[in-house]
Amino acid sequence: LFFLVLSSLPLLAQARPQNSWRSQQCLQSGATPSASSCLHGSLSTPCGPVCKKGPGDICGGSGDQYGVCGDGLSCSDCNRCTGCSFTAFKCFSDQNCVSFQDMWL
């Protein structure tokens, strides 16, 4: 029985989708942007270049599936780019964000 379980592990690993959201994202993204068209900078990915996110944009997620924030910004616990953009000279503060760190009994 133990041998049977061990011998079936490679088959199970092949059946599991690898980076399935990334392959879907590549298929849905269409044309890739040029680096000069990205206001907050660009990021190289397996699907090609992707524009970085600006103040208040949705970001983060598992493997940064919702995007990466541009220079001067960081992704909040509520998945929003916060801080001040060096390129757009615009700031965003996620004041209404309630994270796990803010909760106490």
PDB file of N, CA and C in Angstrom:
ATOM      1  N   LEU A   1       0.839  -1.199   0.000  1.00  0.00           N
ATOM      2  CA  LEU A   1       0.000   0.000   0.000  1.00  0.00           C
ATOM      3  C   LEU A   1       0.877   1.253   0.000  1.00  0.00           C
ATOM      4  N   PHE A   2       1.919   1.262   0.829  1.00  0.00           N
ATOM      5  CA  PHE A   2       2.817   2.418   0.910  1.00  0.00           C
ATOM      6  C   PHE A   2       3.497   2.651  -0.440  1.00  0.00           C
ATOM      7  N   PHE A   3       3.928   1.567  -1.094  1.00  0.00           N
ATOM      8  CA  PHE A   3       4.569   1.667  -2.399  1.00  0.00           C
ATOM      9  C   PHE A   3       3.595   2.226  -3.438  1.00  0.00           C
ATOM     10  N   LEU A   4       2.334   1.814  -3.371  1.00  0.00           N
ATOM     11  CA  LEU A   4       1.313   2.280  -4.305  1.00  0.00           C
ATOM     12  C   LEU A   4       1.110   3.787  -4.173  1.00  0.00           C
ATOM     13  N   VAL A   5       1.077   4.284  -2.946  1.00  0.00           N
ATOM     14  CA  VAL A   5       0.905   5.722  -2.704  1.00  0.00           C
ATOM     15  C   VAL A   5       2.110   6.487  -3.242  1.00  0.00           C
ATOM     16  N   LEU A   6       3.324   6.009  -2.962  1.00  0.00           N
ATOM     17  CA  LEU A   6       4.528   6.684  -3.437  1.00  0.00           C
ATOM     18  C   LEU A   6       4.632   6.685  -4.960  1.00  0.00           C
ATOM     19  N   SER A   7       4.225   5.592  -5.586  1.00  0.00           N
ATOM     20  CA  SER A   7       4.333   5.522  -7.042  1.00  0.00           C
ATOM     21  C   SER A   7       3.305   6.413  -7.738  1.00  0.00           C
ATOM     22  N   SER A   8       2.219   6.783  -7.083  1.00  0.00           N
ATOM     23  CA  SER A   8       1.204   7.629  -7.718  1.00  0.00           C
ATOM     24  C   SER A   8       1.462   9.121  -7.499  1.00  0.00           C
ATOM     25  N   LEU A   9       2.418   9.500  -6.649  1.00  0.00           N
ATOM     26  CA  LEU A   9       2.698  10.915  -6.398  1.00  0.00           C
ATOM     27  C   LEU A   9       3.119  11.684  -7.646  1.00  0.00           C
ATOM     28  N   PRO A  10       3.999  11.158  -8.484  1.00  0.00           N
ATOM     29  CA  PRO A  10       4.348  11.921  -9.700  1.00  0.00           C
ATOM     30  C   PRO A  10       3.145  12.180 -10.603  1.00  0.00           C
ATOM     31  N   LEU A  11       2.211  11.248 -10.671  1.00  0.00           N
ATOM     32  CA  LEU A  11       1.020  11.449 -11.491  1.00  0.00           C
ATOM     33  C   LEU A  11       0.144  12.558 -10.926  1.00  0.00           C
ATOM     34  N   LEU A  12       0.032  12.615  -9.623  1.00  0.00           N
ATOM     35  CA  LEU A  12      -0.757  13.668  -8.995  1.00  0.00           C
ATOM     36  C   LEU A  12      -0.119  15.031  -9.192  1.00  0.00           C
ATOM     37  N   ALA A  13       1.185  15.098  -9.130  1.00  0.00           N
ATOM     38  CA  ALA A  13       1.888  16.368  -9.312  1.00  0.00           C
ATOM     39  C   ALA A  13       1.707  16.892 -10.734  1.00  0.00           C
ATOM     40  N   GLN A  14       1.661  15.992 -11.716  1.00  0.00           N
ATOM     41  CA  GLN A  14       1.463  16.421 -13.092  1.00  0.00           C
ATOM     42  C   GLN A  14       0.030  16.861 -13.349  1.00  0.00           C
ATOM     43  N   ALA A  15      -0.932  16.310 -12.617  1.00  0.00           N
ATOM     44  CA  ALA A  15      -2.336  16.647 -12.821  1.00  0.00           C
ATOM     45  C   ALA A  15      -2.678  18.018 -12.242  1.00  0.00           C
ATOM     46  N   ARG A  16      -1.893  18.475 -11.260  1.00  0.00           N
ATOM     47  CA  ARG A  16      -2.156  19.771 -10.632  1.00  0.00           C
ATOM     48  C   ARG A  16      -1.739  20.881 -11.582  1.00  0.00           C
ATOM     49  N   PRO A  17      -2.609  21.886 -11.826  1.00  0.00           N
ATOM     50  CA  PRO A  17      -2.222  22.966 -12.732  1.00  0.00           C
ATOM     51  C   PRO A  17      -1.082  23.790 -12.147  1.00  0.00           C
ATOM     52  N   GLN A  18      -0.077  24.059 -12.954  1.00  0.00           N
ATOM     53  CA  GLN A  18       1.069  24.847 -12.535  1.00  0.00           C
ATOM     54  C   GLN A  18       0.832  26.299 -12.933  1.00  0.00           C
ATOM     55  N   ASN A  19       0.821  27.202 -11.934  1.00  0.00           N
ATOM     56  CA  ASN A  19       0.642  28.628 -12.200  1.00  0.00           C
ATOM     57  C   ASN A  19      -0.571  28.890 -13.089  1.00  0.00           C
ATOM     58  N   SER A  20      -1.699  28.288 -12.773  1.00  0.00           N
ATOM     59  CA  SER A  20      -2.864  28.376 -13.644  1.00  0.00           C
ATOM     60  C   SER A  20      -3.359  29.805 -13.808  1.00  0.00           C
ATOM     61  N   TRP A  21      -3.317  30.615 -12.738  1.00  0.00           N
ATOM     62  CA  TRP A  21      -3.787  31.995 -12.884  1.00  0.00           C
ATOM     63  C   TRP A  21      -2.863  32.780 -13.792  1.00  0.00           C
ATOM     64  N   ARG A  22      -1.550  32.452 -13.790  1.00  0.00           N
ATOM     65  CA  ARG A  22      -0.612  33.172 -14.657  1.00  0.00           C
ATOM     66  C   ARG A  22      -0.880  32.849 -16.119  1.00  0.00           C
ATOM     67  N   SER A  23      -1.141  31.582 -16.426  1.00  0.00           N
ATOM     68  CA  SER A  23      -1.403  31.237 -17.819  1.00  0.00           C
ATOM     69  C   SER A  23      -2.697  31.884 -18.280  1.00  0.00           C
ATOM     70  N   GLN A  24      -3.699  31.944 -17.428  1.00  0.00           N
ATOM     71  CA  GLN A  24      -4.950  32.622 -17.768  1.00  0.00           C
ATOM     72  C   GLN A  24      -4.712  34.110 -17.962  1.00  0.00           C
ATOM     73  N   GLN A  25      -3.888  34.697 -17.111  1.00  0.00           N
ATOM     74  CA  GLN A  25      -3.590  36.122 -17.204  1.00  0.00           C
ATOM     75  C   GLN A  25      -2.880  36.418 -18.519  1.00  0.00           C
ATOM     76  N   CYS A  26      -1.953  35.563 -18.928  1.00  0.00           N
ATOM     77  CA  CYS A  26      -1.242  35.760 -20.192  1.00  0.00           C
ATOM     78  C   CYS A  26      -2.209  35.692 -21.364  1.00  0.00           C
ATOM     79  N   LEU A  27      -3.150  34.775 -21.311  1.00  0.00           N
ATOM     80  CA  LEU A  27      -4.106  34.632 -22.402  1.00  0.00           C
ATOM     81  C   LEU A  27      -5.050  35.825 -22.482  1.00  0.00           C
ATOM     82  N   GLN A  28      -5.437  36.387 -21.324  1.00  0.00           N
ATOM     83  CA  GLN A  28      -6.404  37.475 -21.295  1.00  0.00           C
ATOM     84  C   GLN A  28      -5.767  38.848 -21.497  1.00  0.00           C
ATOM     85  N   SER A  29      -4.459  38.954 -21.295  1.00  0.00           N
ATOM     86  CA  SER A  29      -3.839  40.276 -21.293  1.00  0.00           C
ATOM     87  C   SER A  29      -3.788  40.916 -22.673  1.00  0.00           C
ATOM     88  N   GLY A  30      -3.710  40.144 -23.743  1.00  0.00           N
ATOM     89  CA  GLY A  30      -3.667  40.714 -25.078  1.00  0.00           C
ATOM     90  C   GLY A  30      -2.314  41.336 -25.371  1.00  0.00           C
ATOM     91  N   ALA A  31      -2.334  42.557 -25.881  1.00  0.00           N
ATOM     92  CA  ALA A  31      -1.091  43.240 -26.254  1.00  0.00           C
ATOM     93  C   ALA A  31      -0.316  43.648 -25.004  1.00  0.00           C
ATOM     94  N   THR A  32       0.996  43.510 -25.071  1.00  0.00           N
ATOM     95  CA  THR A  32       1.840  43.913 -23.949  1.00  0.00           C
ATOM     96  C   THR A  32       2.208  45.384 -24.097  1.00  0.00           C
ATOM     97  N   PRO A  33       2.225  46.128 -22.995  1.00  0.00           N
ATOM     98  CA  PRO A  33       2.535  47.559 -23.073  1.00  0.00           C
ATOM     99  C   PRO A  33       4.029  47.787 -23.306  1.00  0.00           C
ATOM    100  N   SER A  34       4.356  48.924 -23.871  1.00  0.00           N
ATOM    101  CA  SER A  34       5.766  49.290 -23.978  1.00  0.00           C
ATOM    102  C   SER A  34       6.174  49.950 -22.664  1.00  0.00           C
ATOM    103  N   ALA A  35       7.450  49.873 -22.340  1.00  0.00           N
ATOM    104  CA  ALA A  35       7.935  50.432 -21.074  1.00  0.00           C
ATOM    105  C   ALA A  35       7.669  51.931 -20.996  1.00  0.00           C
ATOM    106  N   SER A  36       7.696  52.629 -22.115  1.00  0.00           N
ATOM    107  CA  SER A  36       7.484  54.082 -22.107  1.00  0.00           C
ATOM    108  C   SER A  36       6.020  54.455 -21.870  1.00  0.00           C
ATOM    109  N   SER A  37       5.098  53.519 -22.097  1.00  0.00           N
ATOM    110  CA  SER A  37       3.678  53.823 -21.900  1.00  0.00           C
ATOM    111  C   SER A  37       3.229  53.610 -20.455  1.00  0.00           C
ATOM    112  N   CYS A  38       4.087  53.099 -19.597  1.00  0.00           N
ATOM    113  CA  CYS A  38       3.739  52.831 -18.200  1.00  0.00           C
ATOM    114  C   CYS A  38       4.142  54.027 -17.334  1.00  0.00           C
ATOM    115  N   LEU A  39       3.179  54.733 -16.797  1.00  0.00           N
ATOM    116  CA  LEU A  39       3.436  55.936 -16.005  1.00  0.00           C
ATOM    117  C   LEU A  39       4.249  55.641 -14.750  1.00  0.00           C
ATOM    118  N   HIS A  40       3.999  54.502 -14.099  1.00  0.00           N
ATOM    119  CA  HIS A  40       4.646  54.170 -12.826  1.00  0.00           C
ATOM    120  C   HIS A  40       5.767  53.151 -12.990  1.00  0.00           C
ATOM    121  N   GLY A  41       6.213  52.915 -14.205  1.00  0.00           N
ATOM    122  CA  GLY A  41       7.277  51.959 -14.462  1.00  0.00           C
ATOM    123  C   GLY A  41       6.715  50.626 -14.917  1.00  0.00           C
ATOM    124  N   SER A  42       7.609  49.755 -15.348  1.00  0.00           N
ATOM    125  CA  SER A  42       7.172  48.437 -15.817  1.00  0.00           C
ATOM    126  C   SER A  42       7.972  47.350 -15.121  1.00  0.00           C
ATOM    127  N   LEU A  43       7.438  46.147 -15.216  1.00  0.00           N
ATOM    128  CA  LEU A  43       8.020  44.976 -14.576  1.00  0.00           C
ATOM    129  C   LEU A  43       8.064  43.850 -15.601  1.00  0.00           C
ATOM    130  N   SER A  44       9.196  43.183 -15.716  1.00  0.00           N
ATOM    131  CA  SER A  44       9.303  42.047 -16.632  1.00  0.00           C
ATOM    132  C   SER A  44       8.691  40.809 -15.992  1.00  0.00           C
ATOM    133  N   THR A  45       7.823  40.125 -16.729  1.00  0.00           N
ATOM    134  CA  THR A  45       7.173  38.896 -16.254  1.00  0.00           C
ATOM    135  C   THR A  45       7.302  37.828 -17.334  1.00  0.00           C
ATOM    136  N   PRO A  46       6.959  36.580 -17.014  1.00  0.00           N
ATOM    137  CA  PRO A  46       6.978  35.532 -18.038  1.00  0.00           C
ATOM    138  C   PRO A  46       6.037  35.825 -19.212  1.00  0.00           C
ATOM    139  N   CYS A  47       5.013  36.660 -18.984  1.00  0.00           N
ATOM    140  CA  CYS A  47       4.072  37.026 -20.051  1.00  0.00           C
ATOM    141  C   CYS A  47       4.543  38.234 -20.845  1.00  0.00           C
ATOM    142  N   GLY A  48       5.630  38.845 -20.440  1.00  0.00           N
ATOM    143  CA  GLY A  48       6.099  40.072 -21.069  1.00  0.00           C
ATOM    144  C   GLY A  48       6.035  41.219 -20.070  1.00  0.00           C
ATOM    145  N   PRO A  49       6.305  42.451 -20.504  1.00  0.00           N
ATOM    146  CA  PRO A  49       6.285  43.580 -19.574  1.00  0.00           C
ATOM    147  C   PRO A  49       4.868  43.887 -19.081  1.00  0.00           C
ATOM    148  N   VAL A  50       4.776  44.288 -17.823  1.00  0.00           N
ATOM    149  CA  VAL A  50       3.508  44.665 -17.201  1.00  0.00           C
ATOM    150  C   VAL A  50       3.721  46.000 -16.501  1.00  0.00           C
ATOM    151  N   CYS A  51       2.760  46.903 -16.629  1.00  0.00           N
ATOM    152  CA  CYS A  51       2.862  48.207 -15.971  1.00  0.00           C
ATOM    153  C   CYS A  51       2.705  48.055 -14.462  1.00  0.00           C
ATOM    154  N   LYS A  52       3.516  48.812 -13.719  1.00  0.00           N
ATOM    155  CA  LYS A  52       3.358  48.853 -12.263  1.00  0.00           C
ATOM    156  C   LYS A  52       2.154  49.710 -11.920  1.00  0.00           C
ATOM    157  N   LYS A  53       1.612  49.506 -10.729  1.00  0.00           N
ATOM    158  CA  LYS A  53       0.392  50.180 -10.294  1.00  0.00           C
ATOM    159  C   LYS A  53       0.696  51.535  -9.662  1.00  0.00           C
ATOM    160  N   GLY A  54      -0.286  52.423  -9.689  1.00  0.00           N
ATOM    161  CA  GLY A  54      -0.151  53.759  -9.135  1.00  0.00           C
ATOM    162  C   GLY A  54      -0.886  53.911  -7.822  1.00  0.00           C
ATOM    163  N   PRO A  55      -0.860  55.119  -7.231  1.00  0.00           N
ATOM    164  CA  PRO A  55      -1.514  55.367  -5.937  1.00  0.00           C
ATOM    165  C   PRO A  55      -2.996  55.014  -5.955  1.00  0.00           C
ATOM    166  N   GLY A  56      -3.422  54.187  -4.995  1.00  0.00           N
ATOM    167  CA  GLY A  56      -4.812  53.787  -4.866  1.00  0.00           C
ATOM    168  C   GLY A  56      -5.209  52.583  -5.700  1.00  0.00           C
ATOM    169  N   ASP A  57      -4.324  52.128  -6.587  1.00  0.00           N
ATOM    170  CA  ASP A  57      -4.639  50.965  -7.431  1.00  0.00           C
ATOM    171  C   ASP A  57      -4.583  49.671  -6.615  1.00  0.00           C
ATOM    172  N   ILE A  58      -5.295  48.663  -7.084  1.00  0.00           N
ATOM    173  CA  ILE A  58      -5.287  47.348  -6.440  1.00  0.00           C
ATOM    174  C   ILE A  58      -3.953  46.663  -6.733  1.00  0.00           C
ATOM    175  N   CYS A  59      -3.391  45.997  -5.724  1.00  0.00           N
ATOM    176  CA  CYS A  59      -2.080  45.365  -5.856  1.00  0.00           C
ATOM    177  C   CYS A  59      -2.015  44.102  -5.005  1.00  0.00           C
ATOM    178  N   GLY A  60      -0.888  43.405  -5.102  1.00  0.00           N
ATOM    179  CA  GLY A  60      -0.609  42.261  -4.226  1.00  0.00           C
ATOM    180  C   GLY A  60      -1.320  40.994  -4.643  1.00  0.00           C
ATOM    181  N   GLY A  61      -1.778  40.254  -3.667  1.00  0.00           N
ATOM    182  CA  GLY A  61      -2.390  38.962  -3.912  1.00  0.00           C
ATOM    183  C   GLY A  61      -1.338  37.868  -3.949  1.00  0.00           C
ATOM    184  N   SER A  62      -1.768  36.664  -4.181  1.00  0.00           N
ATOM    185  CA  SER A  62      -0.870  35.519  -4.240  1.00  0.00           C
ATOM    186  C   SER A  62       0.047  35.667  -5.448  1.00  0.00           C
ATOM    187  N   GLY A  63       1.351  35.770  -5.195  1.00  0.00           N
ATOM    188  CA  GLY A  63       2.312  35.946  -6.277  1.00  0.00           C
ATOM    189  C   GLY A  63       2.159  37.275  -6.993  1.00  0.00           C
ATOM    190  N   ASP A  64       1.642  38.288  -6.288  1.00  0.00           N
ATOM    191  CA  ASP A  64       1.405  39.623  -6.861  1.00  0.00           C
ATOM    192  C   ASP A  64       0.512  39.561  -8.101  1.00  0.00           C
ATOM    193  N   GLN A  65      -0.502  38.693  -8.053  1.00  0.00           N
ATOM    194  CA  GLN A  65      -1.385  38.534  -9.204  1.00  0.00           C
ATOM    195  C   GLN A  65      -2.193  39.788  -9.509  1.00  0.00           C
ATOM    196  N   TYR A  66      -2.366  40.679  -8.534  1.00  0.00           N
ATOM    197  CA  TYR A  66      -3.114  41.919  -8.777  1.00  0.00           C
ATOM    198  C   TYR A  66      -2.201  43.063  -9.173  1.00  0.00           C
ATOM    199  N   GLY A  67      -0.896  42.856  -9.161  1.00  0.00           N
ATOM    200  CA  GLY A  67       0.038  43.871  -9.607  1.00  0.00           C
ATOM    201  C   GLY A  67       1.029  44.278  -8.537  1.00  0.00           C
ATOM    202  N   VAL A  68       2.064  44.998  -8.986  1.00  0.00           N
ATOM    203  CA  VAL A  68       3.136  45.491  -8.133  1.00  0.00           C
ATOM    204  C   VAL A  68       3.096  47.012  -8.176  1.00  0.00           C
ATOM    205  N   CYS A  69       3.289  47.646  -7.042  1.00  0.00           N
ATOM    206  CA  CYS A  69       3.250  49.104  -6.956  1.00  0.00           C
ATOM    207  C   CYS A  69       4.523  49.721  -7.538  1.00  0.00           C
ATOM    208  N   GLY A  70       4.386  50.934  -8.059  1.00  0.00           N
ATOM    209  CA  GLY A  70       5.507  51.671  -8.612  1.00  0.00           C
ATOM    210  C   GLY A  70       6.430  52.195  -7.523  1.00  0.00           C
ATOM    211  N   ASP A  71       7.508  52.872  -7.945  1.00  0.00           N
ATOM    212  CA  ASP A  71       8.500  53.429  -7.015  1.00  0.00           C
ATOM    213  C   ASP A  71       7.855  54.438  -6.075  1.00  0.00           C
ATOM    214  N   GLY A  72       8.201  54.339  -4.797  1.00  0.00           N
ATOM    215  CA  GLY A  72       7.663  55.233  -3.774  1.00  0.00           C
ATOM    216  C   GLY A  72       6.362  54.749  -3.169  1.00  0.00           C
ATOM    217  N   LEU A  73       5.817  53.655  -3.681  1.00  0.00           N
ATOM    218  CA  LEU A  73       4.547  53.111  -3.200  1.00  0.00           C
ATOM    219  C   LEU A  73       4.766  51.728  -2.606  1.00  0.00           C
ATOM    220  N   SER A  74       3.881  51.350  -1.690  1.00  0.00           N
ATOM    221  CA  SER A  74       3.913  49.995  -1.141  1.00  0.00           C
ATOM    222  C   SER A  74       2.489  49.462  -1.079  1.00  0.00           C
ATOM    223  N   CYS A  75       2.366  48.164  -1.136  1.00  0.00           N
ATOM    224  CA  CYS A  75       1.052  47.525  -1.131  1.00  0.00           C
ATOM    225  C   CYS A  75       0.576  47.370   0.313  1.00  0.00           C
ATOM    226  N   SER A  76      -0.584  47.945   0.630  1.00  0.00           N
ATOM    227  CA  SER A  76      -1.114  47.886   1.994  1.00  0.00           C
ATOM    228  C   SER A  76      -1.702  46.505   2.286  1.00  0.00           C
ATOM    229  N   ASP A  77      -2.068  46.281   3.534  1.00  0.00           N
ATOM    230  CA  ASP A  77      -2.703  45.021   3.928  1.00  0.00           C
ATOM    231  C   ASP A  77      -4.070  44.854   3.268  1.00  0.00           C
ATOM    232  N   CYS A  78      -4.630  45.936   2.753  1.00  0.00           N
ATOM    233  CA  CYS A  78      -5.926  45.894   2.069  1.00  0.00           C
ATOM    234  C   CYS A  78      -5.758  45.905   0.552  1.00  0.00           C
ATOM    235  N   ASN A  79      -4.558  45.579   0.085  1.00  0.00           N
ATOM    236  CA  ASN A  79      -4.249  45.437  -1.338  1.00  0.00           C
ATOM    237  C   ASN A  79      -4.465  46.716  -2.143  1.00  0.00           C
ATOM    238  N   ARG A  80      -3.971  47.827  -1.609  1.00  0.00           N
ATOM    239  CA  ARG A  80      -3.978  49.106  -2.328  1.00  0.00           C
ATOM    240  C   ARG A  80      -2.581  49.703  -2.292  1.00  0.00           C
ATOM    241  N   CYS A  81      -2.159  50.324  -3.383  1.00  0.00           N
ATOM    242  CA  CYS A  81      -0.856  50.998  -3.420  1.00  0.00           C
ATOM    243  C   CYS A  81      -0.941  52.290  -2.614  1.00  0.00           C
ATOM    244  N   THR A  82      -0.144  52.377  -1.562  1.00  0.00           N
ATOM    245  CA  THR A  82      -0.143  53.553  -0.698  1.00  0.00           C
ATOM    246  C   THR A  82       1.214  54.228  -0.741  1.00  0.00           C
ATOM    247  N   GLY A  83       1.207  55.512  -0.425  1.00  0.00           N
ATOM    248  CA  GLY A  83       2.431  56.308  -0.437  1.00  0.00           C
ATOM    249  C   GLY A  83       2.332  57.366  -1.512  1.00  0.00           C
ATOM    250  N   CYS A  84       3.484  57.887  -1.926  1.00  0.00           N
ATOM    251  CA  CYS A  84       3.524  58.952  -2.929  1.00  0.00           C
ATOM    252  C   CYS A  84       4.304  58.490  -4.158  1.00  0.00           C
ATOM    253  N   SER A  85       3.699  58.679  -5.309  1.00  0.00           N
ATOM    254  CA  SER A  85       4.326  58.315  -6.568  1.00  0.00           C
ATOM    255  C   SER A  85       5.351  59.368  -6.950  1.00  0.00           C
ATOM    256  N   PHE A  86       6.561  58.927  -7.292  1.00  0.00           N
ATOM    257  CA  PHE A  86       7.611  59.842  -7.715  1.00  0.00           C
ATOM    258  C   PHE A  86       7.381  60.343  -9.138  1.00  0.00           C
ATOM    259  N   THR A  87       6.593  59.632  -9.921  1.00  0.00           N
ATOM    260  CA  THR A  87       6.383  60.016 -11.319  1.00  0.00           C
ATOM    261  C   THR A  87       5.119  60.849 -11.518  1.00  0.00           C
ATOM    262  N   ALA A  88       4.057  60.552 -10.785  1.00  0.00           N
ATOM    263  CA  ALA A  88       2.793  61.271 -10.951  1.00  0.00           C
ATOM    264  C   ALA A  88       2.610  62.371  -9.908  1.00  0.00           C
ATOM    265  N   PHE A  89       3.488  62.415  -8.910  1.00  0.00           N
ATOM    266  CA  PHE A  89       3.385  63.383  -7.812  1.00  0.00           C
ATOM    267  C   PHE A  89       1.988  63.373  -7.198  1.00  0.00           C
ATOM    268  N   LYS A  90       1.526  62.167  -6.936  1.00  0.00           N
ATOM    269  CA  LYS A  90       0.207  61.938  -6.345  1.00  0.00           C
ATOM    270  C   LYS A  90       0.381  60.977  -5.188  1.00  0.00           C
ATOM    271  N   CYS A  91      -0.366  61.221  -4.102  1.00  0.00           N
ATOM    272  CA  CYS A  91      -0.266  60.364  -2.913  1.00  0.00           C
ATOM    273  C   CYS A  91      -1.608  59.695  -2.630  1.00  0.00           C
ATOM    274  N   PHE A  92      -1.524  58.561  -1.938  1.00  0.00           N
ATOM    275  CA  PHE A  92      -2.726  57.859  -1.496  1.00  0.00           C
ATOM    276  C   PHE A  92      -2.444  57.231  -0.143  1.00  0.00           C
ATOM    277  N   SER A  93      -3.383  57.430   0.784  1.00  0.00           N
ATOM    278  CA  SER A  93      -3.289  56.826   2.110  1.00  0.00           C
ATOM    279  C   SER A  93      -4.531  55.981   2.330  1.00  0.00           C
ATOM    280  N   ASP A  94      -4.346  54.734   2.673  1.00  0.00           N
ATOM    281  CA  ASP A  94      -5.463  53.806   2.874  1.00  0.00           C
ATOM    282  C   ASP A  94      -5.915  53.876   4.334  1.00  0.00           C
ATOM    283  N   GLN A  95      -6.519  55.002   4.706  1.00  0.00           N
ATOM    284  CA  GLN A  95      -6.903  55.250   6.108  1.00  0.00           C
ATOM    285  C   GLN A  95      -7.997  54.322   6.592  1.00  0.00           C
ATOM    286  N   ASN A  96      -8.851  53.858   5.707  1.00  0.00           N
ATOM    287  CA  ASN A  96      -9.973  53.008   6.109  1.00  0.00           C
ATOM    288  C   ASN A  96      -9.621  51.527   6.115  1.00  0.00           C
ATOM    289  N   CYS A  97      -8.364  51.213   5.856  1.00  0.00           N
ATOM    290  CA  CYS A  97      -7.923  49.819   5.830  1.00  0.00           C
ATOM    291  C   CYS A  97      -7.837  49.274   7.253  1.00  0.00           C
ATOM    292  N   VAL A  98      -8.499  48.167   7.487  1.00  0.00           N
ATOM    293  CA  VAL A  98      -8.414  47.479   8.775  1.00  0.00           C
ATOM    294  C   VAL A  98      -7.747  46.136   8.508  1.00  0.00           C
ATOM    295  N   SER A  99      -6.546  45.972   9.029  1.00  0.00           N
ATOM    296  CA  SER A  99      -5.798  44.742   8.796  1.00  0.00           C
ATOM    297  C   SER A  99      -5.830  43.863  10.037  1.00  0.00           C
ATOM    298  N   PHE A 100      -5.238  42.685   9.918  1.00  0.00           N
ATOM    299  CA  PHE A 100      -5.152  41.778  11.061  1.00  0.00           C
ATOM    300  C   PHE A 100      -4.325  42.380  12.182  1.00  0.00           C
ATOM    301  N   GLN A 101      -3.365  43.234  11.846  1.00  0.00           N
ATOM    302  CA  GLN A 101      -2.533  43.876  12.857  1.00  0.00           C
ATOM    303  C   GLN A 101      -3.319  44.886  13.684  1.00  0.00           C
ATOM    304  N   ASP A 102      -4.400  45.421  13.116  1.00  0.00           N
ATOM    305  CA  ASP A 102      -5.206  46.420  13.810  1.00  0.00           C
ATOM    306  C   ASP A 102      -6.234  45.795  14.754  1.00  0.00           C
ATOM    307  N   MET A 103      -6.480  44.508  14.618  1.00  0.00           N
ATOM    308  CA  MET A 103      -7.516  43.855  15.419  1.00  0.00           C
ATOM    309  C   MET A 103      -6.957  43.381  16.758  1.00  0.00           C
ATOM    310  N   TRP A 104      -7.702  43.578  17.809  1.00  0.00           N
ATOM    311  CA  TRP A 104      -7.326  43.088  19.129  1.00  0.00           C
ATOM    312  C   TRP A 104      -8.600  42.840  19.913  1.00  0.00           C
ATOM    313  N   LEU A 105      -8.499  42.022  20.879  1.00  0.00           N
ATOM    314  CA  LEU A 105      -9.666  41.674  21.710  1.00  0.00           C
ATOM    315  C   LEU A 105      -9.739  42.516  22.932  1.00  0.00           C
TER     316      LEU A 105
END
